[in-house]
Amino acid sequence: MASKAEETIRHWKFEDRVGGLCFDTTASNTGIHAGCCTLLEQKLGRPLLNLACRHHVMELILASAFKATFGDATSGPDVQLFKRFQKKWPTLIKANATIINDPRLADHDEWKRTTLEALAKAAATTRDDYKELAELTAKAIKGEVPTTFRKPGAHHYARWMAKAIYTLKMTMFKNEFELTPRELRSLQEMSVFIILIYARAWFEAPLAADAPFNDLTLFHDLHKYRDLNSKISEATVKTFKRHFWYLGTDLVGLALFSDKVTIEEKTKMVEKLAIDKDLDKKRWTTAPQDPSSATLSDLVTKESLFSFTELKLDASFLQSPVLSWKENEAYNQGKETVQHLAVTMILRNGRSNLSLIIPRSSPRTRAIDKLSCKLSSATDG
């Protein structure tokens, strides 16, 4: 995979222009000794900005929540509960679907509000499974039932989003579909988690500038969720900690371009940066010791400018007060670049994927060209 990527890079003669890598989180990509990203950096002779696909990390979080709730029921390529529901679907009376009624959904207005906002922003670009999950979640929050339902689709391991979609549907049809008490409790627990926490995190994941803020917010929310379900909270936090490396000091600088981060927090981040022009050091990805209470400014070091270096961003705006950034050309050009930065990918046919992040040389557009290598093996690139 690394050899094919290098071959493509050298063929198009942009060895010096590749600024970063966006990739799914399989070991073939992330291995610190023989992973594709590591080998490609070695071949190019320099570190690159590493952007782990947030959606693939979200997949692992959802899987850990399911295992904590259903136990071994989700092991193997198929989930038997889903197969039963799919088989029963033609005989279900669709008009008998009910709202997802849980007393915990009556509280947590802030979680529900931010989820609806995320769903509304993503509405124009979502399709297929994404759109169905968004519609089911929005209806559940509003205490409504969809007027139409899609036929249940594939539910094997690779179709991981099916877990969320099937969960919400089966909970809505709990009076039409025979369930054991344990299955019903598990579905109810997972539905509340998806509605209050998971859906928002999923649909906000593609936003590069907001990624550090969203990642840290999700981590805090998973900790808070222990008040609703300690098993899900503990399992998802444990999974998230294993993949928290991608919110290292070299990526948190992107949050300076986020509209979600307050002026006060950005000011603290700038104060900690202590701009250092000599950034030819190795990549830094140190996660906080206690991320449950960390803020973005806690993650900042001088190495946080690594992303500026690799994306060819002008950091001169950091010398100006944060309140003046909106009128600063360097800041606006940087924001335009980061808004086009890829932090999610589409997994094709279960294959490992890698994209090269290439900042355009034109200072006028400051956009990002993304070359999708779609690598699956040493002979297929």
Protein backbone atom coordinates (compact mmCIF):
# COMPACT_ATOMS: atom_id res chain seq x y z
CA MET A 1 0.00 0.00 0.00
CA ALA A 2 2.77 2.44 0.94
CA SER A 3 4.73 1.53 -2.18
CA LYS A 4 1.75 2.18 -4.43
CA ALA A 5 1.06 5.48 -2.72
CA GLU A 6 4.71 6.52 -3.14
CA GLU A 7 4.64 5.45 -6.79
CA THR A 8 1.59 7.64 -7.42
CA ILE A 9 3.09 10.59 -5.54
CA ARG A 10 6.36 10.47 -7.46
CA HIS A 11 4.60 9.91 -10.78
CA TRP A 12 2.67 13.16 -10.31
CA LYS A 13 5.75 14.89 -8.87
CA PHE A 14 4.22 16.33 -5.71
CA GLU A 15 6.51 14.75 -3.13
CA ASP A 16 6.98 18.13 -1.44
CA ARG A 17 3.30 19.04 -1.55
CA VAL A 18 1.79 16.14 0.40
CA GLY A 19 0.89 17.65 3.77
CA GLY A 20 -1.03 14.86 5.48
CA LEU A 21 -2.84 11.55 5.38
CA CYS A 22 -6.48 10.71 6.06
CA PHE A 23 -7.02 7.02 6.71
CA ASP A 24 -9.24 4.45 8.34
CA THR A 25 -7.99 3.12 11.65
CA THR A 26 -7.08 -0.43 10.64
CA ALA A 27 -3.74 -1.77 11.87
CA SER A 28 -2.51 -1.98 8.27
CA ASN A 29 -2.61 1.83 8.25
CA THR A 30 -1.84 2.80 11.84
CA GLY A 31 0.83 0.29 12.84
CA ILE A 32 3.75 2.17 14.36
CA HIS A 33 6.34 -0.13 12.77
CA ALA A 34 4.85 -1.55 9.57
CA GLY A 35 1.68 0.50 9.07
CA CYS A 36 1.14 2.13 5.70
CA CYS A 37 1.24 5.65 7.17
CA THR A 38 4.53 4.99 8.98
CA LEU A 39 6.14 3.43 5.91
CA LEU A 40 4.96 6.24 3.64
CA GLU A 41 6.46 8.84 5.97
CA GLN A 42 9.73 6.92 5.88
CA LYS A 43 9.68 6.77 2.08
CA LEU A 44 9.06 10.52 1.83
CA GLY A 45 11.63 11.24 4.53
CA ARG A 46 9.47 13.44 6.75
CA PRO A 47 6.49 13.29 9.13
CA LEU A 48 3.01 14.03 7.80
CA LEU A 49 -0.13 15.31 9.45
CA ASN A 50 -2.07 12.18 10.46
CA LEU A 51 -5.85 12.47 10.34
CA ALA A 52 -7.55 9.31 11.53
CA CYS A 53 -11.03 8.95 10.05
CA ARG A 54 -13.43 9.98 12.80
CA HIS A 55 -16.19 7.78 11.41
CA HIS A 56 -14.09 4.64 11.82
CA VAL A 57 -13.39 5.58 15.41
CA MET A 58 -17.13 6.18 15.91
CA GLU A 59 -17.74 2.67 14.59
CA LEU A 60 -15.60 1.23 17.37
CA ILE A 61 -17.40 3.29 20.00
CA LEU A 62 -20.79 2.04 18.79
CA ALA A 63 -19.54 -1.55 18.74
CA SER A 64 -18.30 -1.28 22.33
CA ALA A 65 -21.66 0.15 23.44
CA PHE A 66 -23.46 -2.78 21.81
CA LYS A 67 -21.20 -5.35 23.39
CA ALA A 68 -21.69 -3.77 26.81
CA THR A 69 -25.46 -3.83 26.34
CA PHE A 70 -26.17 -7.03 24.40
CA GLY A 71 -23.17 -9.10 25.50
CA ASP A 72 -22.14 -11.67 22.88
CA ALA A 73 -25.35 -11.26 20.90
CA THR A 74 -23.51 -9.09 18.35
CA SER A 75 -20.55 -11.38 17.79
CA GLY A 76 -20.08 -13.01 14.40
CA PRO A 77 -20.91 -11.63 10.96
CA ASP A 78 -24.66 -11.44 11.64
CA VAL A 79 -26.79 -10.45 14.60
CA GLN A 80 -29.55 -13.02 15.13
CA LEU A 81 -31.93 -10.45 16.62
CA PHE A 82 -31.60 -8.37 13.46
CA LYS A 83 -32.21 -11.42 11.27
CA ARG A 84 -35.42 -12.17 13.16
CA PHE A 85 -36.61 -8.59 12.71
CA GLN A 86 -35.75 -8.57 9.02
CA LYS A 87 -37.68 -11.80 8.50
CA LYS A 88 -40.68 -10.49 10.45
CA TRP A 89 -40.74 -7.10 8.69
CA PRO A 90 -43.23 -7.96 5.85
CA THR A 91 -45.92 -8.93 8.38
CA LEU A 92 -45.51 -5.97 10.73
CA ILE A 93 -48.32 -3.42 10.77
CA LYS A 94 -46.40 -0.23 10.13
CA ALA A 95 -49.18 1.97 11.50
CA ASN A 96 -48.67 0.40 14.93
CA ALA A 97 -45.19 1.82 15.39
CA THR A 98 -44.83 3.81 18.62
CA ILE A 99 -42.61 6.63 19.82
CA ILE A 100 -39.47 5.77 21.75
CA ASN A 101 -40.73 6.62 25.20
CA ASP A 102 -38.11 6.73 27.93
CA PRO A 103 -38.18 9.07 30.94
CA ARG A 104 -34.50 9.91 30.37
CA LEU A 105 -35.36 11.46 27.03
CA ALA A 106 -37.51 14.04 28.80
CA ASP A 107 -34.36 15.50 30.34
CA HIS A 108 -31.00 16.48 28.83
CA ASP A 109 -32.38 19.28 26.67
CA GLU A 110 -28.89 20.48 25.76
CA TRP A 111 -27.91 17.12 24.28
CA LYS A 112 -31.16 16.94 22.33
CA ARG A 113 -30.83 20.53 21.06
CA THR A 114 -27.28 20.07 19.80
CA THR A 115 -28.20 16.75 18.18
CA LEU A 116 -31.07 18.33 16.26
CA GLU A 117 -28.77 21.14 15.14
CA ALA A 118 -26.21 18.63 13.86
CA LEU A 119 -28.90 16.67 12.02
CA ALA A 120 -30.27 19.83 10.41
CA LYS A 121 -26.83 20.90 9.16
CA ALA A 122 -26.14 17.45 7.74
CA ALA A 123 -29.54 17.08 6.05
CA ALA A 124 -28.40 18.48 2.69
CA THR A 125 -25.49 16.07 2.29
CA THR A 126 -26.73 12.86 3.92
CA ARG A 127 -28.11 9.95 1.91
CA ASP A 128 -28.95 6.28 2.19
CA ASP A 129 -28.12 4.85 5.66
CA TYR A 130 -26.95 8.25 6.92
CA LYS A 131 -30.23 9.88 5.98
CA GLU A 132 -32.29 7.10 7.55
CA LEU A 133 -30.38 7.31 10.83
CA ALA A 134 -30.81 11.10 10.86
CA GLU A 135 -34.56 10.86 10.23
CA LEU A 136 -35.15 8.18 12.86
CA THR A 137 -33.13 10.09 15.46
CA ALA A 138 -34.85 13.41 14.77
CA LYS A 139 -38.30 11.82 15.03
CA ALA A 140 -37.36 10.10 18.29
CA ILE A 141 -36.17 13.36 19.85
CA LYS A 142 -39.39 15.12 18.82
CA GLY A 143 -41.52 12.28 20.18
CA GLU A 144 -42.83 11.41 16.73
CA VAL A 145 -43.08 8.32 14.55
CA PRO A 146 -41.96 8.36 10.89
CA THR A 147 -44.79 8.21 8.38
CA THR A 148 -42.85 5.73 6.27
CA PHE A 149 -40.14 3.19 7.02
CA ARG A 150 -37.46 1.72 4.80
CA LYS A 151 -37.20 -2.02 4.50
CA PRO A 152 -34.47 -3.33 6.83
CA GLY A 153 -31.27 -3.80 4.85
CA ALA A 154 -28.03 -5.69 5.32
CA HIS A 155 -26.93 -6.12 8.93
CA HIS A 156 -23.64 -8.01 8.77
CA TYR A 157 -20.54 -6.76 10.55
CA ALA A 158 -19.34 -4.47 7.72
CA ARG A 159 -22.69 -2.66 7.72
CA TRP A 160 -22.03 -1.33 11.19
CA MET A 161 -24.52 1.56 10.96
CA ALA A 162 -27.25 -1.08 10.71
CA LYS A 163 -26.81 -1.58 14.46
CA ALA A 164 -28.05 1.94 15.14
CA ILE A 165 -30.83 1.86 12.52
CA TYR A 166 -32.12 -1.57 13.53
CA THR A 167 -32.06 -0.58 17.20
CA LEU A 168 -34.27 2.47 16.70
CA LYS A 169 -36.66 0.61 14.38
CA MET A 170 -37.08 -2.40 16.67
CA THR A 171 -37.72 -0.13 19.64
CA MET A 172 -40.44 1.65 17.67
CA PHE A 173 -41.99 -1.73 16.75
CA LYS A 174 -41.62 -3.33 20.18
CA ASN A 175 -45.39 -3.95 20.35
CA GLU A 176 -45.39 -5.68 16.95
CA PHE A 177 -42.21 -7.70 17.27
CA GLU A 178 -41.79 -10.38 19.92
CA LEU A 179 -38.89 -9.60 22.23
CA THR A 180 -37.58 -11.10 25.45
CA PRO A 181 -37.46 -8.77 28.48
CA ARG A 182 -33.66 -8.64 28.21
CA GLU A 183 -33.77 -7.80 24.50
CA LEU A 184 -36.29 -5.05 25.11
CA ARG A 185 -34.18 -3.53 27.90
CA SER A 186 -31.07 -3.69 25.75
CA LEU A 187 -32.82 -2.03 22.81
CA GLN A 188 -34.16 0.71 25.07
CA GLU A 189 -30.71 1.39 26.53
CA MET A 190 -29.04 1.54 23.13
CA SER A 191 -31.77 3.76 21.69
CA VAL A 192 -31.30 6.34 24.45
CA PHE A 193 -27.51 6.31 23.88
CA ILE A 194 -27.88 6.75 20.12
CA ILE A 195 -30.42 9.56 20.47
CA LEU A 196 -28.65 11.57 23.17
CA ILE A 197 -24.97 11.01 22.38
CA TYR A 198 -24.04 8.97 19.35
CA ALA A 199 -26.00 10.48 16.45
CA ARG A 200 -24.68 13.98 17.12
CA ALA A 201 -21.08 12.78 17.30
CA TRP A 202 -21.44 10.86 14.05
CA PHE A 203 -22.92 13.69 11.99
CA GLU A 204 -20.48 16.30 13.34
CA ALA A 205 -17.43 14.13 12.67
CA PRO A 206 -16.57 15.37 9.14
CA LEU A 207 -15.90 18.97 10.24
CA ALA A 208 -12.11 19.34 10.47
CA ALA A 209 -11.98 22.70 12.25
CA ASP A 210 -14.49 21.47 14.82
CA ALA A 211 -12.92 18.00 15.17
CA PRO A 212 -10.73 18.71 18.24
CA PHE A 213 -13.63 20.45 20.01
CA ASN A 214 -16.09 17.70 19.05
CA ASP A 215 -13.71 14.92 20.06
CA LEU A 216 -13.12 16.42 23.49
CA THR A 217 -16.83 17.18 23.96
CA LEU A 218 -17.74 13.59 23.09
CA PHE A 219 -15.21 12.28 25.57
CA HIS A 220 -16.69 14.48 28.30
CA ASP A 221 -20.22 13.40 27.35
CA LEU A 222 -19.30 9.72 27.52
CA HIS A 223 -18.02 10.31 31.04
CA LYS A 224 -21.24 12.10 32.02
CA TYR A 225 -23.29 9.29 30.54
CA ARG A 226 -22.38 7.09 33.48
CA ASP A 227 -25.29 8.70 35.31
CA LEU A 228 -27.61 7.14 32.72
CA ASN A 229 -25.83 3.87 31.99
CA SER A 230 -22.52 3.08 33.67
CA LYS A 231 -21.82 0.00 31.51
CA ILE A 232 -22.09 1.90 28.24
CA SER A 233 -20.12 4.81 29.67
CA GLU A 234 -17.25 2.66 30.92
CA ALA A 235 -17.05 0.59 27.73
CA THR A 236 -17.09 3.56 25.34
CA VAL A 237 -14.65 5.62 27.41
CA LYS A 238 -12.23 2.69 27.47
CA THR A 239 -12.48 2.34 23.68
CA PHE A 240 -12.10 6.07 23.13
CA LYS A 241 -8.97 6.20 25.31
CA ARG A 242 -7.29 3.62 23.09
CA HIS A 243 -7.83 5.91 20.08
CA PHE A 244 -7.32 9.26 21.73
CA TRP A 245 -3.90 9.60 20.13
CA TYR A 246 -5.40 11.41 17.14
CA LEU A 247 -6.28 14.34 19.39
CA GLY A 248 -2.63 15.02 20.04
CA THR A 249 -0.92 18.36 20.33
CA ASP A 250 -0.16 18.52 16.59
CA LEU A 251 -3.86 18.49 15.63
CA VAL A 252 -5.44 20.68 18.28
CA GLY A 253 -4.25 23.81 16.46
CA LEU A 254 -7.03 23.26 13.92
CA ALA A 255 -9.52 24.28 16.63
CA LEU A 256 -8.33 27.88 16.29
CA PHE A 257 -10.45 28.01 13.12
CA SER A 258 -13.58 26.62 14.80
CA ASP A 259 -16.59 28.82 15.45
CA LYS A 260 -17.50 26.51 18.34
CA VAL A 261 -14.46 27.45 20.39
CA THR A 262 -14.98 30.57 22.48
CA ILE A 263 -12.81 33.67 22.19
CA GLU A 264 -11.64 33.09 25.76
CA GLU A 265 -10.50 29.54 24.98
CA LYS A 266 -8.74 30.60 21.78
CA THR A 267 -6.94 33.32 23.73
CA LYS A 268 -5.69 30.71 26.22
CA MET A 269 -4.57 28.49 23.34
CA VAL A 270 -2.58 31.31 21.74
CA GLU A 271 -0.94 32.15 25.05
CA LYS A 272 0.31 28.57 25.34
CA LEU A 273 1.56 28.30 21.77
CA ALA A 274 4.80 30.27 22.28
CA ILE A 275 5.40 30.35 18.53
CA ASP A 276 8.54 28.48 17.51
CA LYS A 277 9.68 28.83 13.91
CA ASP A 278 11.92 25.75 14.13
CA LEU A 279 9.36 22.97 13.70
CA ASP A 280 11.43 20.28 12.01
CA LYS A 281 10.95 17.94 14.97
CA LYS A 282 9.03 14.69 14.97
CA ARG A 283 5.26 14.53 15.04
CA TRP A 284 3.78 14.90 18.53
CA THR A 285 0.59 13.07 19.49
CA THR A 286 0.55 13.19 23.27
CA ALA A 287 -2.96 12.85 24.71
CA PRO A 288 -3.79 14.47 28.08
CA GLN A 289 -3.28 12.41 31.22
CA ASP A 290 -6.85 13.10 32.37
CA PRO A 291 -8.92 13.95 29.25
CA SER A 292 -12.16 13.74 31.24
CA SER A 293 -11.51 17.22 32.59
CA ALA A 294 -9.17 18.58 29.91
CA THR A 295 -9.81 21.67 27.82
CA LEU A 296 -8.41 22.45 24.38
CA SER A 297 -5.87 24.85 25.84
CA ASP A 298 -4.59 22.02 28.06
CA LEU A 299 -3.58 20.13 24.91
CA VAL A 300 -1.69 22.99 23.31
CA THR A 301 2.11 23.11 23.09
CA LYS A 302 4.43 24.76 20.56
CA GLU A 303 4.18 21.52 18.52
CA SER A 304 0.53 22.41 17.86
CA LEU A 305 1.83 24.50 14.95
CA PHE A 306 2.84 21.30 13.15
CA SER A 307 -0.52 21.32 11.35
CA PHE A 308 0.15 24.91 10.21
CA THR A 309 3.51 23.86 8.78
CA GLU A 310 2.22 20.81 6.88
CA LEU A 311 -0.86 22.59 5.52
CA LYS A 312 1.19 25.67 4.60
CA LEU A 313 -0.93 27.97 6.73
CA ASP A 314 0.16 31.52 7.52
CA ALA A 315 0.34 31.77 11.33
CA SER A 316 0.91 35.53 11.40
CA PHE A 317 -2.65 36.14 12.62
CA LEU A 318 -1.64 34.64 15.97
CA GLN A 319 0.17 37.89 16.70
CA SER A 320 -3.15 39.77 16.59
CA PRO A 321 -5.95 39.80 19.21
CA VAL A 322 -8.48 37.01 18.72
CA LEU A 323 -11.29 39.54 18.32
CA SER A 324 -9.63 40.87 15.15
CA TRP A 325 -9.16 37.51 13.42
CA LYS A 326 -12.34 37.70 11.36
CA GLU A 327 -10.87 40.69 9.51
CA ASN A 328 -7.45 39.07 9.13
CA GLU A 329 -6.64 37.74 5.65
CA ALA A 330 -4.22 35.08 6.91
CA TYR A 331 -6.84 33.74 9.32
CA ASN A 332 -9.58 33.65 6.69
CA GLN A 333 -7.32 31.87 4.20
CA GLY A 334 -6.39 29.34 6.86
CA LYS A 335 -10.03 28.80 7.77
CA GLU A 336 -10.88 28.20 4.12
CA THR A 337 -8.17 25.55 3.92
CA VAL A 338 -9.20 23.75 7.10
CA GLN A 339 -12.87 23.74 6.06
CA HIS A 340 -11.88 21.63 3.03
CA LEU A 341 -9.71 19.28 5.06
CA ALA A 342 -10.78 15.63 5.13
CA VAL A 343 -11.18 13.97 8.51
CA THR A 344 -13.59 11.23 7.41
CA MET A 345 -13.56 8.68 4.62
CA ILE A 346 -15.90 6.20 2.96
CA LEU A 347 -14.92 2.56 3.45
CA ARG A 348 -15.26 0.86 0.09
CA ASN A 349 -16.01 -2.86 -0.06
CA GLY A 350 -14.48 -3.42 3.36
CA ARG A 351 -11.06 -2.36 2.06
CA SER A 352 -8.48 -0.23 3.79
CA ASN A 353 -8.46 3.34 2.50
CA LEU A 354 -5.93 6.13 2.45
CA SER A 355 -6.17 9.69 1.13
CA LEU A 356 -3.35 12.16 0.60
CA ILE A 357 -3.90 15.75 1.77
CA ILE A 358 -2.31 18.17 -0.69
CA PRO A 359 -2.50 21.92 0.03
CA ARG A 360 -2.82 23.92 -3.16
CA SER A 361 0.07 26.21 -3.94
CA SER A 362 -2.20 29.12 -4.90
CA PRO A 363 -2.49 31.60 -2.01
CA ARG A 364 -5.74 32.84 -3.50
CA THR A 365 -7.79 29.65 -3.21
CA ARG A 366 -6.07 28.05 -0.20
CA ALA A 367 -8.22 24.98 -0.74
CA ILE A 368 -7.29 21.33 -0.34
CA ASP A 369 -6.85 18.80 -3.13
CA LYS A 370 -7.52 15.27 -1.96
CA LEU A 371 -6.18 12.32 -3.90
CA SER A 372 -8.01 9.13 -2.97
CA CYS A 373 -5.61 6.25 -3.48
CA LYS A 374 -8.24 3.63 -2.59
CA LEU A 375 -5.56 1.15 -1.70
CA SER A 376 -6.44 -2.42 -0.82
CA SER A 377 -3.27 -4.38 -1.50
CA ALA A 378 0.25 -4.05 -2.86
CA THR A 379 -1.05 -4.85 -6.37
CA ASP A 380 -4.24 -2.81 -6.30
CA GLY A 381 -3.79 0.93 -6.07
